[in-house]
Amino acid sequence: MLRSSKNKGGKLNLEKKNLLLMGLLSALTSIFQIYAISLTLVAYVSALKRISAVLSVFRGRLIFKEKEIRERVLGATIMVLGVFIII
């Protein structure tokens, strides 16, 4: 991105707060997931994490007005069912 851009880093500087927030939330997600694994079985933690994929699809529809919600829900549901089959 930086090589092909005419405005070297200009847009990146504007989004530093958002990038920092996303990085912090991603780090917290990993920390909580590792902590949850230490408390219970890995399969349960994984199943719970996959269920959040379905919820994310619905949030995408509500917040970002995404289209083709059926296909997205179907794909996320198949992922969740796969985790339950593994359990």
PDB file of N, CA and C in Angstrom:
ATOM      1  N   MET A   1       0.822  -1.178   0.000  1.00  0.00           N
ATOM      2  CA  MET A   1       0.000   0.000   0.000  1.00  0.00           C
ATOM      3  C   MET A   1       0.871   1.248   0.000  1.00  0.00           C
ATOM      4  N   LEU A   2       1.884   1.237   0.856  1.00  0.00           N
ATOM      5  CA  LEU A   2       2.722   2.430   0.957  1.00  0.00           C
ATOM      6  C   LEU A   2       3.539   2.657  -0.307  1.00  0.00           C
ATOM      7  N   ARG A   3       3.936   1.567  -0.984  1.00  0.00           N
ATOM      8  CA  ARG A   3       4.712   1.720  -2.212  1.00  0.00           C
ATOM      9  C   ARG A   3       3.875   2.289  -3.346  1.00  0.00           C
ATOM     10  N   SER A   4       2.634   1.865  -3.468  1.00  0.00           N
ATOM     11  CA  SER A   4       1.811   2.277  -4.608  1.00  0.00           C
ATOM     12  C   SER A   4       1.049   3.573  -4.359  1.00  0.00           C
ATOM     13  N   SER A   5       1.026   4.041  -3.136  1.00  0.00           N
ATOM     14  CA  SER A   5       0.266   5.238  -2.806  1.00  0.00           C
ATOM     15  C   SER A   5       1.052   6.510  -3.110  1.00  0.00           C
ATOM     16  N   LYS A   6       0.343   7.511  -3.589  1.00  0.00           N
ATOM     17  CA  LYS A   6       0.974   8.809  -3.821  1.00  0.00           C
ATOM     18  C   LYS A   6       1.098   9.578  -2.512  1.00  0.00           C
ATOM     19  N   ASN A   7       0.150   9.356  -1.616  1.00  0.00           N
ATOM     20  CA  ASN A   7       0.135  10.037  -0.321  1.00  0.00           C
ATOM     21  C   ASN A   7       0.710   9.080   0.727  1.00  0.00           C
ATOM     22  N   LYS A   8       1.996   8.983   0.817  1.00  0.00           N
ATOM     23  CA  LYS A   8       2.676   8.014   1.673  1.00  0.00           C
ATOM     24  C   LYS A   8       2.274   8.168   3.137  1.00  0.00           C
ATOM     25  N   GLY A   9       1.427   7.268   3.605  1.00  0.00           N
ATOM     26  CA  GLY A   9       1.074   7.236   5.011  1.00  0.00           C
ATOM     27  C   GLY A   9       0.064   8.274   5.455  1.00  0.00           C
ATOM     28  N   GLY A  10      -0.362   9.151   4.578  1.00  0.00           N
ATOM     29  CA  GLY A  10      -1.290  10.204   4.965  1.00  0.00           C
ATOM     30  C   GLY A  10      -2.613   9.657   5.458  1.00  0.00           C
ATOM     31  N   LYS A  11      -3.174   8.731   4.729  1.00  0.00           N
ATOM     32  CA  LYS A  11      -4.450   8.139   5.110  1.00  0.00           C
ATOM     33  C   LYS A  11      -4.279   7.269   6.349  1.00  0.00           C
ATOM     34  N   LEU A  12      -3.154   6.619   6.460  1.00  0.00           N
ATOM     35  CA  LEU A  12      -2.870   5.783   7.621  1.00  0.00           C
ATOM     36  C   LEU A  12      -2.817   6.617   8.895  1.00  0.00           C
ATOM     37  N   ASN A  13      -2.250   7.797   8.813  1.00  0.00           N
ATOM     38  CA  ASN A  13      -2.174   8.678   9.979  1.00  0.00           C
ATOM     39  C   ASN A  13      -3.557   9.102  10.458  1.00  0.00           C
ATOM     40  N   LEU A  14      -4.494   9.264   9.531  1.00  0.00           N
ATOM     41  CA  LEU A  14      -5.842   9.671   9.913  1.00  0.00           C
ATOM     42  C   LEU A  14      -6.581   8.560  10.661  1.00  0.00           C
ATOM     43  N   GLU A  15      -6.221   7.331  10.416  1.00  0.00           N
ATOM     44  CA  GLU A  15      -6.940   6.196  10.982  1.00  0.00           C
ATOM     45  C   GLU A  15      -6.211   5.549  12.159  1.00  0.00           C
ATOM     46  N   LYS A  16      -5.219   6.200  12.721  1.00  0.00           N
ATOM     47  CA  LYS A  16      -4.438   5.589  13.798  1.00  0.00           C
ATOM     48  C   LYS A  16      -5.294   5.240  15.002  1.00  0.00           C
ATOM     49  N   LYS A  17      -6.239   6.082  15.367  1.00  0.00           N
ATOM     50  CA  LYS A  17      -7.094   5.796  16.522  1.00  0.00           C
ATOM     51  C   LYS A  17      -7.943   4.560  16.281  1.00  0.00           C
ATOM     52  N   ASN A  18      -8.509   4.455  15.077  1.00  0.00           N
ATOM     53  CA  ASN A  18      -9.328   3.280  14.758  1.00  0.00           C
ATOM     54  C   ASN A  18      -8.488   2.011  14.726  1.00  0.00           C
ATOM     55  N   LEU A  19      -7.297   2.103  14.151  1.00  0.00           N
ATOM     56  CA  LEU A  19      -6.410   0.948  14.098  1.00  0.00           C
ATOM     57  C   LEU A  19      -5.981   0.518  15.503  1.00  0.00           C
ATOM     58  N   LEU A  20      -5.699   1.486  16.349  1.00  0.00           N
ATOM     59  CA  LEU A  20      -5.314   1.191  17.719  1.00  0.00           C
ATOM     60  C   LEU A  20      -6.459   0.514  18.471  1.00  0.00           C
ATOM     61  N   LEU A  21      -7.673   1.010  18.285  1.00  0.00           N
ATOM     62  CA  LEU A  21      -8.836   0.421  18.934  1.00  0.00           C
ATOM     63  C   LEU A  21      -9.075  -1.004  18.449  1.00  0.00           C
ATOM     64  N   MET A  22      -8.973  -1.227  17.138  1.00  0.00           N
ATOM     65  CA  MET A  22      -9.156  -2.581  16.602  1.00  0.00           C
ATOM     66  C   MET A  22      -8.079  -3.521  17.121  1.00  0.00           C
ATOM     67  N   GLY A  23      -6.855  -3.058  17.194  1.00  0.00           N
ATOM     68  CA  GLY A  23      -5.770  -3.877  17.717  1.00  0.00           C
ATOM     69  C   GLY A  23      -5.978  -4.222  19.181  1.00  0.00           C
ATOM     70  N   LEU A  24      -6.416  -3.248  19.963  1.00  0.00           N
ATOM     71  CA  LEU A  24      -6.682  -3.483  21.378  1.00  0.00           C
ATOM     72  C   LEU A  24      -7.810  -4.495  21.569  1.00  0.00           C
ATOM     73  N   LEU A  25      -8.888  -4.334  20.828  1.00  0.00           N
ATOM     74  CA  LEU A  25     -10.009  -5.274  20.946  1.00  0.00           C
ATOM     75  C   LEU A  25      -9.612  -6.679  20.485  1.00  0.00           C
ATOM     76  N   SER A  26      -8.808  -6.758  19.456  1.00  0.00           N
ATOM     77  CA  SER A  26      -8.331  -8.060  18.983  1.00  0.00           C
ATOM     78  C   SER A  26      -7.442  -8.723  20.025  1.00  0.00           C
ATOM     79  N   ALA A  27      -6.583  -7.953  20.661  1.00  0.00           N
ATOM     80  CA  ALA A  27      -5.718  -8.499  21.714  1.00  0.00           C
ATOM     81  C   ALA A  27      -6.559  -8.970  22.900  1.00  0.00           C
ATOM     82  N   LEU A  28      -7.558  -8.190  23.284  1.00  0.00           N
ATOM     83  CA  LEU A  28      -8.438  -8.600  24.391  1.00  0.00           C
ATOM     84  C   LEU A  28      -9.199  -9.880  24.055  1.00  0.00           C
ATOM     85  N   THR A  29      -9.626 -10.003  22.811  1.00  0.00           N
ATOM     86  CA  THR A  29     -10.310 -11.223  22.379  1.00  0.00           C
ATOM     87  C   THR A  29      -9.408 -12.436  22.571  1.00  0.00           C
ATOM     88  N   SER A  30      -8.168 -12.312  22.160  1.00  0.00           N
ATOM     89  CA  SER A  30      -7.219 -13.423  22.308  1.00  0.00           C
ATOM     90  C   SER A  30      -6.954 -13.744  23.775  1.00  0.00           C
ATOM     91  N   ILE A  31      -6.810 -12.723  24.591  1.00  0.00           N
ATOM     92  CA  ILE A  31      -6.554 -12.942  26.016  1.00  0.00           C
ATOM     93  C   ILE A  31      -7.732 -13.651  26.671  1.00  0.00           C
ATOM     94  N   PHE A  32      -8.951 -13.184  26.390  1.00  0.00           N
ATOM     95  CA  PHE A  32     -10.129 -13.814  26.980  1.00  0.00           C
ATOM     96  C   PHE A  32     -10.324 -15.238  26.473  1.00  0.00           C
ATOM     97  N   GLN A  33      -9.994 -15.476  25.211  1.00  0.00           N
ATOM     98  CA  GLN A  33     -10.126 -16.831  24.661  1.00  0.00           C
ATOM     99  C   GLN A  33      -9.140 -17.780  25.345  1.00  0.00           C
ATOM    100  N   ILE A  34      -7.920 -17.353  25.524  1.00  0.00           N
ATOM    101  CA  ILE A  34      -6.931 -18.199  26.200  1.00  0.00           C
ATOM    102  C   ILE A  34      -7.340 -18.454  27.642  1.00  0.00           C
ATOM    103  N   TYR A  35      -7.856 -17.437  28.305  1.00  0.00           N
ATOM    104  CA  TYR A  35      -8.324 -17.601  29.676  1.00  0.00           C
ATOM    105  C   TYR A  35      -9.500 -18.579  29.734  1.00  0.00           C
ATOM    106  N   ALA A  36     -10.424 -18.471  28.785  1.00  0.00           N
ATOM    107  CA  ALA A  36     -11.568 -19.384  28.753  1.00  0.00           C
ATOM    108  C   ALA A  36     -11.121 -20.819  28.517  1.00  0.00           C
ATOM    109  N   ILE A  37     -10.124 -21.012  27.676  1.00  0.00           N
ATOM    110  CA  ILE A  37      -9.618 -22.356  27.423  1.00  0.00           C
ATOM    111  C   ILE A  37      -9.016 -22.954  28.689  1.00  0.00           C
ATOM    112  N   SER A  38      -8.427 -22.114  29.522  1.00  0.00           N
ATOM    113  CA  SER A  38      -7.858 -22.628  30.772  1.00  0.00           C
ATOM    114  C   SER A  38      -8.953 -23.016  31.774  1.00  0.00           C
ATOM    115  N   LEU A  39     -10.159 -22.517  31.567  1.00  0.00           N
ATOM    116  CA  LEU A  39     -11.257 -22.816  32.485  1.00  0.00           C
ATOM    117  C   LEU A  39     -12.110 -24.004  32.061  1.00  0.00           C
ATOM    118  N   THR A  40     -12.201 -24.268  30.760  1.00  0.00           N
ATOM    119  CA  THR A  40     -13.092 -25.314  30.276  1.00  0.00           C
ATOM    120  C   THR A  40     -12.473 -26.015  29.065  1.00  0.00           C
ATOM    121  N   LEU A  41     -13.233 -26.868  28.419  1.00  0.00           N
ATOM    122  CA  LEU A  41     -12.747 -27.614  27.269  1.00  0.00           C
ATOM    123  C   LEU A  41     -12.618 -26.711  26.039  1.00  0.00           C
ATOM    124  N   VAL A  42     -11.626 -26.996  25.236  1.00  0.00           N
ATOM    125  CA  VAL A  42     -11.354 -26.206  24.034  1.00  0.00           C
ATOM    126  C   VAL A  42     -12.552 -26.242  23.083  1.00  0.00           C
ATOM    127  N   ALA A  43     -13.197 -27.379  22.972  1.00  0.00           N
ATOM    128  CA  ALA A  43     -14.327 -27.511  22.044  1.00  0.00           C
ATOM    129  C   ALA A  43     -15.457 -26.553  22.413  1.00  0.00           C
ATOM    130  N   TYR A  44     -15.696 -26.366  23.694  1.00  0.00           N
ATOM    131  CA  TYR A  44     -16.757 -25.451  24.117  1.00  0.00           C
ATOM    132  C   TYR A  44     -16.405 -24.004  23.791  1.00  0.00           C
ATOM    133  N   VAL A  45     -15.174 -23.632  24.023  1.00  0.00           N
ATOM    134  CA  VAL A  45     -14.731 -22.271  23.720  1.00  0.00           C
ATOM    135  C   VAL A  45     -14.809 -22.022  22.217  1.00  0.00           C
ATOM    136  N   SER A  46     -14.408 -23.001  21.444  1.00  0.00           N
ATOM    137  CA  SER A  46     -14.457 -22.873  19.992  1.00  0.00           C
ATOM    138  C   SER A  46     -15.896 -22.749  19.504  1.00  0.00           C
ATOM    139  N   ALA A  47     -16.791 -23.536  20.083  1.00  0.00           N
ATOM    140  CA  ALA A  47     -18.198 -23.464  19.690  1.00  0.00           C
ATOM    141  C   ALA A  47     -18.769 -22.084  19.991  1.00  0.00           C
ATOM    142  N   LEU A  48     -18.448 -21.562  21.130  1.00  0.00           N
ATOM    143  CA  LEU A  48     -18.939 -20.236  21.503  1.00  0.00           C
ATOM    144  C   LEU A  48     -18.387 -19.160  20.576  1.00  0.00           C
ATOM    145  N   LYS A  49     -17.134 -19.309  20.207  1.00  0.00           N
ATOM    146  CA  LYS A  49     -16.520 -18.350  19.296  1.00  0.00           C
ATOM    147  C   LYS A  49     -17.185 -18.403  17.923  1.00  0.00           C
ATOM    148  N   ARG A  50     -17.540 -19.588  17.459  1.00  0.00           N
ATOM    149  CA  ARG A  50     -18.181 -19.729  16.152  1.00  0.00           C
ATOM    150  C   ARG A  50     -19.599 -19.181  16.163  1.00  0.00           C
ATOM    151  N   ILE A  51     -20.280 -19.293  17.283  1.00  0.00           N
ATOM    152  CA  ILE A  51     -21.625 -18.722  17.372  1.00  0.00           C
ATOM    153  C   ILE A  51     -21.551 -17.208  17.194  1.00  0.00           C
ATOM    154  N   SER A  52     -20.464 -16.608  17.626  1.00  0.00           N
ATOM    155  CA  SER A  52     -20.318 -15.163  17.451  1.00  0.00           C
ATOM    156  C   SER A  52     -20.261 -14.800  15.970  1.00  0.00           C
ATOM    157  N   ALA A  53     -19.881 -15.750  15.106  1.00  0.00           N
ATOM    158  CA  ALA A  53     -19.863 -15.489  13.664  1.00  0.00           C
ATOM    159  C   ALA A  53     -21.275 -15.230  13.154  1.00  0.00           C
ATOM    160  N   VAL A  54     -22.236 -15.993  13.649  1.00  0.00           N
ATOM    161  CA  VAL A  54     -23.629 -15.789  13.242  1.00  0.00           C
ATOM    162  C   VAL A  54     -24.113 -14.422  13.727  1.00  0.00           C
ATOM    163  N   LEU A  55     -23.776 -14.083  14.955  1.00  0.00           N
ATOM    164  CA  LEU A  55     -24.179 -12.787  15.489  1.00  0.00           C
ATOM    165  C   LEU A  55     -23.540 -11.648  14.703  1.00  0.00           C
ATOM    166  N   SER A  56     -22.322 -11.844  14.255  1.00  0.00           N
ATOM    167  CA  SER A  56     -21.644 -10.815  13.457  1.00  0.00           C
ATOM    168  C   SER A  56     -22.347 -10.586  12.121  1.00  0.00           C
ATOM    169  N   VAL A  57     -22.897 -11.639  11.553  1.00  0.00           N
ATOM    170  CA  VAL A  57     -23.648 -11.488  10.303  1.00  0.00           C
ATOM    171  C   VAL A  57     -24.860 -10.594  10.530  1.00  0.00           C
ATOM    172  N   PHE A  58     -25.565 -10.821  11.613  1.00  0.00           N
ATOM    173  CA  PHE A  58     -26.738  -9.995  11.903  1.00  0.00           C
ATOM    174  C   PHE A  58     -26.348  -8.546  12.224  1.00  0.00           C
ATOM    175  N   ARG A  59     -25.241  -8.376  12.920  1.00  0.00           N
ATOM    176  CA  ARG A  59     -24.767  -7.008  13.185  1.00  0.00           C
ATOM    177  C   ARG A  59     -24.385  -6.306  11.885  1.00  0.00           C
ATOM    178  N   GLY A  60     -23.785  -7.033  10.966  1.00  0.00           N
ATOM    179  CA  GLY A  60     -23.438  -6.462   9.667  1.00  0.00           C
ATOM    180  C   GLY A  60     -24.668  -5.981   8.926  1.00  0.00           C
ATOM    181  N   ARG A  61     -25.740  -6.732   9.044  1.00  0.00           N
ATOM    182  CA  ARG A  61     -26.999  -6.332   8.401  1.00  0.00           C
ATOM    183  C   ARG A  61     -27.572  -5.081   9.061  1.00  0.00           C
ATOM    184  N   LEU A  62     -27.577  -5.059  10.389  1.00  0.00           N
ATOM    185  CA  LEU A  62     -28.176  -3.938  11.112  1.00  0.00           C
ATOM    186  C   LEU A  62     -27.340  -2.669  11.015  1.00  0.00           C
ATOM    187  N   ILE A  63     -26.036  -2.802  11.182  1.00  0.00           N
ATOM    188  CA  ILE A  63     -25.172  -1.618  11.257  1.00  0.00           C
ATOM    189  C   ILE A  63     -24.734  -1.146   9.873  1.00  0.00           C
ATOM    190  N   PHE A  64     -24.273  -2.083   9.038  1.00  0.00           N
ATOM    191  CA  PHE A  64     -23.697  -1.709   7.749  1.00  0.00           C
ATOM    192  C   PHE A  64     -24.646  -1.896   6.575  1.00  0.00           C
ATOM    193  N   LYS A  65     -25.875  -2.352   6.855  1.00  0.00           N
ATOM    194  CA  LYS A  65     -26.901  -2.548   5.814  1.00  0.00           C
ATOM    195  C   LYS A  65     -26.407  -3.473   4.699  1.00  0.00           C
ATOM    196  N   GLU A  66     -25.718  -4.561   5.091  1.00  0.00           N
ATOM    197  CA  GLU A  66     -25.203  -5.500   4.101  1.00  0.00           C
ATOM    198  C   GLU A  66     -26.348  -6.227   3.413  1.00  0.00           C
ATOM    199  N   LYS A  67     -26.123  -6.574   2.171  1.00  0.00           N
ATOM    200  CA  LYS A  67     -27.122  -7.283   1.378  1.00  0.00           C
ATOM    201  C   LYS A  67     -26.819  -8.779   1.398  1.00  0.00           C
ATOM    202  N   GLU A  68     -27.699  -9.554   0.797  1.00  0.00           N
ATOM    203  CA  GLU A  68     -27.550 -11.014   0.682  1.00  0.00           C
ATOM    204  C   GLU A  68     -27.335 -11.660   2.042  1.00  0.00           C
ATOM    205  N   ILE A  69     -28.200 -11.355   2.970  1.00  0.00           N
ATOM    206  CA  ILE A  69     -28.068 -11.839   4.339  1.00  0.00           C
ATOM    207  C   ILE A  69     -28.288 -13.348   4.423  1.00  0.00           C
ATOM    208  N   ARG A  70     -29.154 -13.899   3.579  1.00  0.00           N
ATOM    209  CA  ARG A  70     -29.434 -15.344   3.636  1.00  0.00           C
ATOM    210  C   ARG A  70     -28.181 -16.175   3.403  1.00  0.00           C
ATOM    211  N   GLU A  71     -27.421 -15.800   2.387  1.00  0.00           N
ATOM    212  CA  GLU A  71     -26.208 -16.556   2.070  1.00  0.00           C
ATOM    213  C   GLU A  71     -25.195 -16.464   3.212  1.00  0.00           C
ATOM    214  N   ARG A  72     -25.097 -15.294   3.806  1.00  0.00           N
ATOM    215  CA  ARG A  72     -24.143 -15.096   4.903  1.00  0.00           C
ATOM    216  C   ARG A  72     -24.563 -15.883   6.148  1.00  0.00           C
ATOM    217  N   VAL A  73     -25.870 -15.864   6.451  1.00  0.00           N
ATOM    218  CA  VAL A  73     -26.370 -16.618   7.603  1.00  0.00           C
ATOM    219  C   VAL A  73     -26.175 -18.112   7.366  1.00  0.00           C
ATOM    220  N   LEU A  74     -26.444 -18.566   6.157  1.00  0.00           N
ATOM    221  CA  LEU A  74     -26.262 -19.984   5.839  1.00  0.00           C
ATOM    222  C   LEU A  74     -24.803 -20.402   6.026  1.00  0.00           C
ATOM    223  N   GLY A  75     -23.878 -19.606   5.519  1.00  0.00           N
ATOM    224  CA  GLY A  75     -22.460 -19.928   5.663  1.00  0.00           C
ATOM    225  C   GLY A  75     -22.014 -19.944   7.117  1.00  0.00           C
ATOM    226  N   ALA A  76     -22.440 -18.954   7.886  1.00  0.00           N
ATOM    227  CA  ALA A  76     -22.070 -18.896   9.303  1.00  0.00           C
ATOM    228  C   ALA A  76     -22.704 -20.057  10.073  1.00  0.00           C
ATOM    229  N   THR A  77     -23.937 -20.411   9.725  1.00  0.00           N
ATOM    230  CA  THR A  77     -24.609 -21.530  10.392  1.00  0.00           C
ATOM    231  C   THR A  77     -23.910 -22.848  10.097  1.00  0.00           C
ATOM    232  N   ILE A  78     -23.463 -23.036   8.883  1.00  0.00           N
ATOM    233  CA  ILE A  78     -22.721 -24.256   8.530  1.00  0.00           C
ATOM    234  C   ILE A  78     -21.434 -24.337   9.343  1.00  0.00           C
ATOM    235  N   MET A  79     -20.766 -23.212   9.534  1.00  0.00           N
ATOM    236  CA  MET A  79     -19.549 -23.200  10.363  1.00  0.00           C
ATOM    237  C   MET A  79     -19.872 -23.623  11.787  1.00  0.00           C
ATOM    238  N   VAL A  80     -20.943 -23.073  12.327  1.00  0.00           N
ATOM    239  CA  VAL A  80     -21.322 -23.399  13.718  1.00  0.00           C
ATOM    240  C   VAL A  80     -21.714 -24.868  13.828  1.00  0.00           C
ATOM    241  N   LEU A  81     -22.472 -25.375  12.868  1.00  0.00           N
ATOM    242  CA  LEU A  81     -22.871 -26.788  12.901  1.00  0.00           C
ATOM    243  C   LEU A  81     -21.638 -27.696  12.821  1.00  0.00           C
ATOM    244  N   GLY A  82     -20.663 -27.309  12.038  1.00  0.00           N
ATOM    245  CA  GLY A  82     -19.434 -28.086  11.956  1.00  0.00           C
ATOM    246  C   GLY A  82     -18.736 -28.186  13.306  1.00  0.00           C
ATOM    247  N   VAL A  83     -18.737 -27.110  14.062  1.00  0.00           N
ATOM    248  CA  VAL A  83     -18.129 -27.135  15.386  1.00  0.00           C
ATOM    249  C   VAL A  83     -18.910 -28.068  16.309  1.00  0.00           C
ATOM    250  N   PHE A  84     -20.242 -27.998  16.253  1.00  0.00           N
ATOM    251  CA  PHE A  84     -21.053 -28.880  17.096  1.00  0.00           C
ATOM    252  C   PHE A  84     -20.875 -30.346  16.723  1.00  0.00           C
ATOM    253  N   ILE A  85     -20.673 -30.626  15.458  1.00  0.00           N
ATOM    254  CA  ILE A  85     -20.409 -32.014  15.030  1.00  0.00           C
ATOM    255  C   ILE A  85     -19.090 -32.492  15.611  1.00  0.00           C
ATOM    256  N   ILE A  86     -18.098 -31.613  15.642  1.00  0.00           N
ATOM    257  CA  ILE A  86     -16.795 -31.973  16.209  1.00  0.00           C
ATOM    258  C   ILE A  86     -16.921 -32.256  17.708  1.00  0.00           C
ATOM    259  N   ILE A  87     -17.738 -31.477  18.391  1.00  0.00           N
ATOM    260  CA  ILE A  87     -17.925 -31.678  19.834  1.00  0.00           C
ATOM    261  C   ILE A  87     -18.530 -33.030  20.066  1.00  0.00           C
TER     262      ILE A  87
END
